[in-house]
PDB file of N, CA and C in Angstrom:
ATOM      1  N   MET A   1       5.422 -24.823  -9.020  1.00  0.00           N
ATOM      2  CA  MET A   1       4.346 -23.521  -8.341  1.00  0.00           C
ATOM      3  C   MET A   1       3.866 -23.886  -7.025  1.00  0.00           C
ATOM      4  N   ASP A   2       3.985 -22.461  -6.415  1.00  0.00           N
ATOM      5  CA  ASP A   2       3.348 -22.477  -4.669  1.00  0.00           C
ATOM      6  C   ASP A   2       2.067 -22.233  -5.104  1.00  0.00           C
ATOM      7  N   SER A   3       1.855 -22.739  -4.073  1.00  0.00           N
ATOM      8  CA  SER A   3      -0.159 -22.686  -4.003  1.00  0.00           C
ATOM      9  C   SER A   3      -0.434 -21.756  -3.406  1.00  0.00           C
ATOM     10  N   ILE A   4      -1.803 -20.642  -3.558  1.00  0.00           N
ATOM     11  CA  ILE A   4      -1.835 -19.400  -2.598  1.00  0.00           C
ATOM     12  C   ILE A   4      -2.125 -19.638  -1.841  1.00  0.00           C
ATOM     13  N   ASP A   5      -2.125 -20.491  -0.740  1.00  0.00           N
ATOM     14  CA  ASP A   5      -1.415 -20.363   0.508  1.00  0.00           C
ATOM     15  C   ASP A   5       0.129 -20.263   1.045  1.00  0.00           C
ATOM     16  N   GLU A   6       0.803 -21.045   0.185  1.00  0.00           N
ATOM     17  CA  GLU A   6       2.100 -19.920   0.231  1.00  0.00           C
ATOM     18  C   GLU A   6       2.228 -18.821  -0.255  1.00  0.00           C
ATOM     19  N   ILE A   7       1.799 -18.171  -1.236  1.00  0.00           N
ATOM     20  CA  ILE A   7       2.146 -17.235  -1.535  1.00  0.00           C
ATOM     21  C   ILE A   7       1.213 -16.300  -0.770  1.00  0.00           C
ATOM     22  N   ARG A   8      -0.041 -16.595   0.002  1.00  0.00           N
ATOM     23  CA  ARG A   8      -0.430 -15.862   1.009  1.00  0.00           C
ATOM     24  C   ARG A   8       1.151 -15.351   2.215  1.00  0.00           C
ATOM     25  N   GLN A   9       0.924 -16.829   2.258  1.00  0.00           N
ATOM     26  CA  GLN A   9       1.833 -16.608   3.592  1.00  0.00           C
ATOM     27  C   GLN A   9       2.973 -15.955   3.417  1.00  0.00           C
ATOM     28  N   ALA A  10       3.677 -15.704   2.028  1.00  0.00           N
ATOM     29  CA  ALA A  10       4.855 -15.091   1.991  1.00  0.00           C
ATOM     30  C   ALA A  10       4.479 -13.572   2.103  1.00  0.00           C
ATOM     31  N   TYR A  11       3.608 -13.131   1.394  1.00  0.00           N
ATOM     32  CA  TYR A  11       2.747 -11.861   1.479  1.00  0.00           C
ATOM     33  C   TYR A  11       2.922 -11.630   3.341  1.00  0.00           C
ATOM     34  N   ARG A  12       2.481 -12.459   3.936  1.00  0.00           N
ATOM     35  CA  ARG A  12       1.959 -11.891   5.234  1.00  0.00           C
ATOM     36  C   ARG A  12       3.399 -11.976   5.670  1.00  0.00           C
ATOM     37  N   ARG A  13       4.390 -12.847   5.551  1.00  0.00           N
ATOM     38  CA  ARG A  13       6.060 -12.551   6.176  1.00  0.00           C
ATOM     39  C   ARG A  13       6.786 -11.268   5.795  1.00  0.00           C
ATOM     40  N   VAL A  14       6.363 -10.836   4.710  1.00  0.00           N
ATOM     41  CA  VAL A  14       6.633  -9.476   4.230  1.00  0.00           C
ATOM     42  C   VAL A  14       6.612  -8.475   4.685  1.00  0.00           C
ATOM     43  N   PHE A  15       4.952  -8.162   4.278  1.00  0.00           N
ATOM     44  CA  PHE A  15       4.166  -6.946   5.244  1.00  0.00           C
ATOM     45  C   PHE A  15       4.324  -6.898   6.838  1.00  0.00           C
ATOM     46  N   GLU A  16       4.414  -8.288   7.244  1.00  0.00           N
ATOM     47  CA  GLU A  16       4.240  -8.151   8.918  1.00  0.00           C
ATOM     48  C   GLU A  16       5.371  -7.634   9.713  1.00  0.00           C
ATOM     49  N   SER A  17       6.285  -7.431   8.515  1.00  0.00           N
ATOM     50  CA  SER A  17       7.812  -7.117   9.293  1.00  0.00           C
ATOM     51  C   SER A  17       7.844  -5.424   9.336  1.00  0.00           C
ATOM     52  N   PRO A  18       8.097  -5.133  10.113  1.00  0.00           N
ATOM     53  CA  PRO A  18       8.597  -3.012  10.710  1.00  0.00           C
ATOM     54  C   PRO A  18       9.127  -2.694   9.086  1.00  0.00           C
ATOM     55  N   VAL A  19       9.869  -3.246   8.120  1.00  0.00           N
ATOM     56  CA  VAL A  19      10.274  -2.691   7.186  1.00  0.00           C
ATOM     57  C   VAL A  19       9.102  -2.741   6.293  1.00  0.00           C
ATOM     58  N   GLY A  20       8.695  -4.141   5.948  1.00  0.00           N
ATOM     59  CA  GLY A  20       7.455  -4.245   4.915  1.00  0.00           C
ATOM     60  C   GLY A  20       6.533  -3.257   5.734  1.00  0.00           C
ATOM     61  N   GLY A  21       6.029  -2.867   6.857  1.00  0.00           N
ATOM     62  CA  GLY A  21       4.984  -1.378   7.526  1.00  0.00           C
ATOM     63  C   GLY A  21       5.147  -0.351   6.257  1.00  0.00           C
ATOM     64  N   VAL A  22       6.203  -0.002   6.598  1.00  0.00           N
ATOM     65  CA  VAL A  22       6.728   1.226   5.691  1.00  0.00           C
ATOM     66  C   VAL A  22       6.769   1.230   4.364  1.00  0.00           C
ATOM     67  N   VAL A  23       7.152  -0.173   3.727  1.00  0.00           N
ATOM     68  CA  VAL A  23       6.624  -0.229   2.290  1.00  0.00           C
ATOM     69  C   VAL A  23       5.345  -0.195   1.914  1.00  0.00           C
ATOM     70  N   LEU A  24       4.830  -1.080   2.977  1.00  0.00           N
ATOM     71  CA  LEU A  24       3.620  -1.017   2.421  1.00  0.00           C
ATOM     72  C   LEU A  24       2.198   0.592   2.769  1.00  0.00           C
ATOM     73  N   HIS A  25       3.001   1.214   3.715  1.00  0.00           N
ATOM     74  CA  HIS A  25       2.286   2.769   3.736  1.00  0.00           C
ATOM     75  C   HIS A  25       2.990   2.986   2.381  1.00  0.00           C
ATOM     76  N   ASP A  26       4.115   3.317   2.064  1.00  0.00           N
ATOM     77  CA  ASP A  26       4.780   3.991   1.089  1.00  0.00           C
ATOM     78  C   ASP A  26       3.748   3.178  -0.028  1.00  0.00           C
ATOM     79  N   LEU A  27       3.521   2.013  -0.692  1.00  0.00           N
ATOM     80  CA  LEU A  27       3.026   1.828  -1.816  1.00  0.00           C
ATOM     81  C   LEU A  27       1.505   2.348  -1.733  1.00  0.00           C
ATOM     82  N   ALA A  28       0.661   2.330  -0.278  1.00  0.00           N
ATOM     83  CA  ALA A  28      -0.672   2.765  -0.148  1.00  0.00           C
ATOM     84  C   ALA A  28      -0.555   4.233  -1.406  1.00  0.00           C
ATOM     85  N   GLU A  29       0.252   5.166  -0.337  1.00  0.00           N
ATOM     86  CA  GLU A  29       0.464   6.755  -0.829  1.00  0.00           C
ATOM     87  C   GLU A  29       0.858   6.493  -2.520  1.00  0.00           C
ATOM     88  N   TYR A  30       1.829   6.032  -2.986  1.00  0.00           N
ATOM     89  CA  TYR A  30       1.981   5.687  -4.089  1.00  0.00           C
ATOM     90  C   TYR A  30       0.882   5.299  -5.266  1.00  0.00           C
ATOM     91  N   CYS A  31       0.567   4.518  -4.740  1.00  0.00           N
ATOM     92  CA  CYS A  31      -0.757   3.949  -5.115  1.00  0.00           C
ATOM     93  C   CYS A  31      -2.452   4.327  -5.500  1.00  0.00           C
ATOM     94  N   ASN A  32      -2.445   5.546  -4.453  1.00  0.00           N
ATOM     95  CA  ASN A  32      -3.689   6.443  -4.140  1.00  0.00           C
ATOM     96  C   ASN A  32      -4.323   5.941  -3.923  1.00  0.00           C
ATOM     97  N   PHE A  33      -4.212   4.849  -2.339  1.00  0.00           N
ATOM     98  CA  PHE A  33      -5.287   3.777  -2.010  1.00  0.00           C
ATOM     99  C   PHE A  33      -6.650   4.517  -1.586  1.00  0.00           C
ATOM    100  N   LEU A  34      -6.481   5.872  -1.178  1.00  0.00           N
ATOM    101  CA  LEU A  34      -7.597   6.374  -0.232  1.00  0.00           C
ATOM    102  C   LEU A  34      -8.316   7.408  -1.796  1.00  0.00           C
ATOM    103  N   ALA A  35      -7.714   7.396  -2.857  1.00  0.00           N
ATOM    104  CA  ALA A  35      -8.360   8.323  -3.695  1.00  0.00           C
ATOM    105  C   ALA A  35      -9.187   8.144  -4.896  1.00  0.00           C
ATOM    106  N   SER A  36     -10.107   8.826  -5.264  1.00  0.00           N
ATOM    107  CA  SER A  36     -10.881   8.274  -6.373  1.00  0.00           C
ATOM    108  C   SER A  36      -9.826   8.300  -7.088  1.00  0.00           C
ATOM    109  N   THR A  37      -9.557   7.035  -8.277  1.00  0.00           N
ATOM    110  CA  THR A  37      -8.890   6.968  -9.430  1.00  0.00           C
ATOM    111  C   THR A  37      -9.475   6.415 -10.838  1.00  0.00           C
ATOM    112  N   ILE A  38     -10.866   6.165 -10.771  1.00  0.00           N
ATOM    113  CA  ILE A  38     -11.676   6.484 -11.707  1.00  0.00           C
ATOM    114  C   ILE A  38     -11.384   6.782 -13.194  1.00  0.00           C
ATOM    115  N   SER A  39     -11.141   7.939 -12.980  1.00  0.00           N
ATOM    116  CA  SER A  39     -11.064   8.954 -13.907  1.00  0.00           C
ATOM    117  C   SER A  39      -9.485   8.886 -15.027  1.00  0.00           C
ATOM    118  N   ASP A  40      -9.078   8.167 -14.200  1.00  0.00           N
ATOM    119  CA  ASP A  40      -7.635   7.966 -14.797  1.00  0.00           C
ATOM    120  C   ASP A  40      -7.072   7.057 -14.793  1.00  0.00           C
ATOM    121  N   PRO A  41      -7.022   6.029 -15.852  1.00  0.00           N
ATOM    122  CA  PRO A  41      -6.839   4.563 -16.042  1.00  0.00           C
ATOM    123  C   PRO A  41      -5.325   3.940 -15.426  1.00  0.00           C
ATOM    124  N   TYR A  42      -4.523   5.068 -15.528  1.00  0.00           N
ATOM    125  CA  TYR A  42      -3.092   4.420 -15.142  1.00  0.00           C
ATOM    126  C   TYR A  42      -2.791   4.867 -13.212  1.00  0.00           C
ATOM    127  N   GLN A  43      -4.060   5.663 -12.985  1.00  0.00           N
ATOM    128  CA  GLN A  43      -3.910   5.749 -11.364  1.00  0.00           C
ATOM    129  C   GLN A  43      -4.478   4.245 -10.807  1.00  0.00           C
ATOM    130  N   GLU A  44      -5.468   4.296 -11.769  1.00  0.00           N
ATOM    131  CA  GLU A  44      -6.695   3.210 -11.372  1.00  0.00           C
ATOM    132  C   GLU A  44      -5.914   1.999 -11.418  1.00  0.00           C
ATOM    133  N   ALA A  45      -4.922   1.664 -12.090  1.00  0.00           N
ATOM    134  CA  ALA A  45      -4.050   0.336 -13.032  1.00  0.00           C
ATOM    135  C   ALA A  45      -3.001   0.463 -10.982  1.00  0.00           C
ATOM    136  N   LYS A  46      -2.656   1.359 -11.116  1.00  0.00           N
ATOM    137  CA  LYS A  46      -1.916   1.377  -9.449  1.00  0.00           C
ATOM    138  C   LYS A  46      -2.463   0.995  -8.182  1.00  0.00           C
ATOM    139  N   ARG A  47      -4.082   1.164  -8.375  1.00  0.00           N
ATOM    140  CA  ARG A  47      -4.352   1.250  -7.155  1.00  0.00           C
ATOM    141  C   ARG A  47      -4.706  -0.348  -6.993  1.00  0.00           C
ATOM    142  N   ASP A  48      -5.064  -0.658  -8.198  1.00  0.00           N
ATOM    143  CA  ASP A  48      -5.414  -2.393  -8.882  1.00  0.00           C
ATOM    144  C   ASP A  48      -4.279  -2.888  -7.996  1.00  0.00           C
ATOM    145  N   VAL A  49      -3.430  -2.920  -8.293  1.00  0.00           N
ATOM    146  CA  VAL A  49      -1.857  -3.234  -7.872  1.00  0.00           C
ATOM    147  C   VAL A  49      -2.051  -3.729  -6.602  1.00  0.00           C
ATOM    148  N   PHE A  50      -2.648  -2.135  -5.673  1.00  0.00           N
ATOM    149  CA  PHE A  50      -2.298  -2.149  -3.838  1.00  0.00           C
ATOM    150  C   PHE A  50      -3.123  -2.978  -3.499  1.00  0.00           C
ATOM    151  N   LEU A  51      -4.351  -3.006  -4.156  1.00  0.00           N
ATOM    152  CA  LEU A  51      -5.629  -4.121  -3.493  1.00  0.00           C
ATOM    153  C   LEU A  51      -5.357  -5.267  -3.798  1.00  0.00           C
ATOM    154  N   HIS A  52      -4.292  -5.906  -5.070  1.00  0.00           N
ATOM    155  CA  HIS A  52      -4.094  -7.024  -5.110  1.00  0.00           C
ATOM    156  C   HIS A  52      -3.434  -7.305  -4.065  1.00  0.00           C
ATOM    157  N   ILE A  53      -2.482  -6.523  -3.375  1.00  0.00           N
ATOM    158  CA  ILE A  53      -1.688  -6.861  -2.490  1.00  0.00           C
ATOM    159  C   ILE A  53      -1.872  -6.789  -1.239  1.00  0.00           C
ATOM    160  N   LEU A  54      -3.491  -6.210  -1.184  1.00  0.00           N
ATOM    161  CA  LEU A  54      -4.028  -6.235   0.154  1.00  0.00           C
ATOM    162  C   LEU A  54      -4.567  -7.407   0.564  1.00  0.00           C
ATOM    163  N   ASP A  55      -5.009  -8.213  -0.781  1.00  0.00           N
ATOM    164  CA  ASP A  55      -5.668  -9.288  -1.174  1.00  0.00           C
ATOM    165  C   ASP A  55      -5.121 -10.866  -0.701  1.00  0.00           C
ATOM    166  N   MET A  56      -3.898 -10.869  -1.062  1.00  0.00           N
ATOM    167  CA  MET A  56      -2.617 -11.587  -1.185  1.00  0.00           C
ATOM    168  C   MET A  56      -2.068 -11.759   0.592  1.00  0.00           C
ATOM    169  N   TYR A  57      -1.920 -10.576   1.156  1.00  0.00           N
ATOM    170  CA  TYR A  57      -1.597 -10.279   2.601  1.00  0.00           C
ATOM    171  C   TYR A  57      -2.972 -10.605   3.340  1.00  0.00           C
ATOM    172  N   ASP A  58      -3.696 -10.730   2.616  1.00  0.00           N
ATOM    173  CA  ASP A  58      -5.359 -11.118   3.521  1.00  0.00           C
ATOM    174  C   ASP A  58      -5.092 -10.191   4.811  1.00  0.00           C
ATOM    175  N   VAL A  59      -5.309  -9.073   4.717  1.00  0.00           N
ATOM    176  CA  VAL A  59      -5.766  -7.960   5.953  1.00  0.00           C
ATOM    177  C   VAL A  59      -7.194  -7.183   5.223  1.00  0.00           C
ATOM    178  N   GLU A  60      -7.238  -6.706   6.148  1.00  0.00           N
ATOM    179  CA  GLU A  60      -8.546  -6.133   6.061  1.00  0.00           C
ATOM    180  C   GLU A  60      -9.022  -4.523   5.781  1.00  0.00           C
ATOM    181  N   ILE A  61      -9.157  -4.316   4.360  1.00  0.00           N
ATOM    182  CA  ILE A  61      -9.065  -3.311   4.328  1.00  0.00           C
ATOM    183  C   ILE A  61      -9.188  -1.651   5.235  1.00  0.00           C
ATOM    184  N   PRO A  62     -10.357  -1.627   6.290  1.00  0.00           N
ATOM    185  CA  PRO A  62     -10.377  -0.725   7.309  1.00  0.00           C
ATOM    186  C   PRO A  62      -9.222  -0.736   8.264  1.00  0.00           C
ATOM    187  N   GLU A  63      -8.728  -1.656   8.490  1.00  0.00           N
ATOM    188  CA  GLU A  63      -7.273  -1.643   9.100  1.00  0.00           C
ATOM    189  C   GLU A  63      -6.419  -1.179   8.276  1.00  0.00           C
ATOM    190  N   VAL A  64      -6.382  -1.678   7.299  1.00  0.00           N
ATOM    191  CA  VAL A  64      -5.165  -0.271   5.999  1.00  0.00           C
ATOM    192  C   VAL A  64      -5.545   1.027   6.371  1.00  0.00           C
ATOM    193  N   ILE A  65      -6.989   1.344   6.018  1.00  0.00           N
ATOM    194  CA  ILE A  65      -7.226   2.794   6.190  1.00  0.00           C
ATOM    195  C   ILE A  65      -6.863   3.200   7.775  1.00  0.00           C
ATOM    196  N   ARG A  66      -7.338   2.579   8.925  1.00  0.00           N
ATOM    197  CA  ARG A  66      -6.828   3.189   9.855  1.00  0.00           C
ATOM    198  C   ARG A  66      -5.332   3.369   9.852  1.00  0.00           C
ATOM    199  N   ALA A  67      -4.545   2.508   9.785  1.00  0.00           N
ATOM    200  CA  ALA A  67      -3.306   2.670   9.404  1.00  0.00           C
ATOM    201  C   ALA A  67      -2.043   3.655   8.964  1.00  0.00           C
ATOM    202  N   ILE A  68      -3.030   3.765   7.618  1.00  0.00           N
ATOM    203  CA  ILE A  68      -2.398   4.672   6.824  1.00  0.00           C
ATOM    204  C   ILE A  68      -2.546   6.291   7.756  1.00  0.00           C
ATOM    205  N   GLN A  69      -3.912   6.025   7.987  1.00  0.00           N
ATOM    206  CA  GLN A  69      -4.533   7.498   8.796  1.00  0.00           C
ATOM    207  C   GLN A  69      -3.782   8.041   9.803  1.00  0.00           C
ATOM    208  N   LYS A  70      -2.548   7.302  10.591  1.00  0.00           N
ATOM    209  CA  LYS A  70      -2.422   7.531  11.182  1.00  0.00           C
ATOM    210  C   LYS A  70      -0.627   7.666  10.913  1.00  0.00           C
ATOM    211  N   ILE A  71      -0.054   7.674   9.744  1.00  0.00           N
ATOM    212  CA  ILE A  71       0.881   8.183   9.818  1.00  0.00           C
ATOM    213  C   ILE A  71       0.921   9.989  10.149  1.00  0.00           C
ATOM    214  N   PRO A  72       2.155  10.461  10.665  1.00  0.00           N
ATOM    215  CA  PRO A  72       1.938  11.584  10.364  1.00  0.00           C
ATOM    216  C   PRO A  72       2.193  12.576   9.508  1.00  0.00           C
ATOM    217  N   ALA A  73       1.018  14.083   9.372  1.00  0.00           N
ATOM    218  CA  ALA A  73       1.439  14.911   8.342  1.00  0.00           C
ATOM    219  C   ALA A  73       2.906  15.122   7.930  1.00  0.00           C
ATOM    220  N   HIS A  74       3.314  15.363   8.264  1.00  0.00           N
ATOM    221  CA  HIS A  74       4.726  15.725   7.835  1.00  0.00           C
ATOM    222  C   HIS A  74       5.802  14.741   7.391  1.00  0.00           C
ATOM    223  N   LYS A  75       5.318  13.669   8.006  1.00  0.00           N
ATOM    224  CA  LYS A  75       6.007  12.602   6.975  1.00  0.00           C
ATOM    225  C   LYS A  75       5.286  12.795   5.696  1.00  0.00           C
ATOM    226  N   LYS A  76       4.052  13.010   5.614  1.00  0.00           N
ATOM    227  CA  LYS A  76       3.579  12.694   3.960  1.00  0.00           C
ATOM    228  C   LYS A  76       3.870  13.857   3.166  1.00  0.00           C
ATOM    229  N   GLU A  77       4.326  14.929   3.976  1.00  0.00           N
ATOM    230  CA  GLU A  77       4.795  16.255   3.413  1.00  0.00           C
ATOM    231  C   GLU A  77       6.450  16.220   2.937  1.00  0.00           C
ATOM    232  N   GLU A  78       7.111  15.459   3.672  1.00  0.00           N
ATOM    233  CA  GLU A  78       8.378  14.913   3.525  1.00  0.00           C
ATOM    234  C   GLU A  78       8.476  14.551   2.342  1.00  0.00           C
ATOM    235  N   GLN A  79       7.531  12.824   1.779  1.00  0.00           N
ATOM    236  CA  GLN A  79       7.751  12.013   1.069  1.00  0.00           C
ATOM    237  C   GLN A  79       7.249  13.041  -0.442  1.00  0.00           C
ATOM    238  N   GLU A  80       5.898  13.627  -0.145  1.00  0.00           N
ATOM    239  CA  GLU A  80       6.187  14.336  -1.276  1.00  0.00           C
ATOM    240  C   GLU A  80       7.117  15.389  -1.676  1.00  0.00           C
ATOM    241  N   LYS A  81       8.055  16.131  -0.830  1.00  0.00           N
ATOM    242  CA  LYS A  81       8.876  16.872  -1.105  1.00  0.00           C
ATOM    243  C   LYS A  81       9.889  16.244  -1.797  1.00  0.00           C
ATOM    244  N   ALA A  82      10.510  15.043  -1.207  1.00  0.00           N
ATOM    245  CA  ALA A  82      11.534  14.428  -1.632  1.00  0.00           C
ATOM    246  C   ALA A  82      10.528  13.829  -3.207  1.00  0.00           C
ATOM    247  N   ASP A  83       9.744  13.399  -3.102  1.00  0.00           N
ATOM    248  CA  ASP A  83       9.467  12.963  -4.778  1.00  0.00           C
ATOM    249  C   ASP A  83       9.306  14.155  -5.930  1.00  0.00           C
ATOM    250  N   ASN A  84       9.040  15.273  -5.038  1.00  0.00           N
ATOM    251  CA  ASN A  84       9.247  17.156  -6.415  1.00  0.00           C
ATOM    252  C   ASN A  84      10.783  16.683  -6.801  1.00  0.00           C
ATOM    253  N   ASP A  85      11.402  16.889  -5.551  1.00  0.00           N
ATOM    254  CA  ASP A  85      12.966  17.245  -5.836  1.00  0.00           C
ATOM    255  C   ASP A  85      13.378  16.333  -6.686  1.00  0.00           C
ATOM    256  N   GLN A  86      13.049  14.751  -6.996  1.00  0.00           N
ATOM    257  CA  GLN A  86      13.520  14.383  -7.967  1.00  0.00           C
ATOM    258  C   GLN A  86      13.226  14.483  -9.137  1.00  0.00           C
TER     259      GLN A  86
END
């Protein structure tokens, strides 16, 4: 079994890559990271998974919020349209 430090290191290697950053942004959106999810247990469970990823990645939440807010609005709209088309 890998130690917690080895697992955290693996998370960092994954999410510090350029592709990992894209995935992290997508997960933040999908898991409603910036939304209130208390009234919906399913959405809260998704958000909890994302918070676990952030904890294992060992990144500060304010850093993630700033990074997510930098995503251009048109990219968010394109993603929402693609999600609706599926």
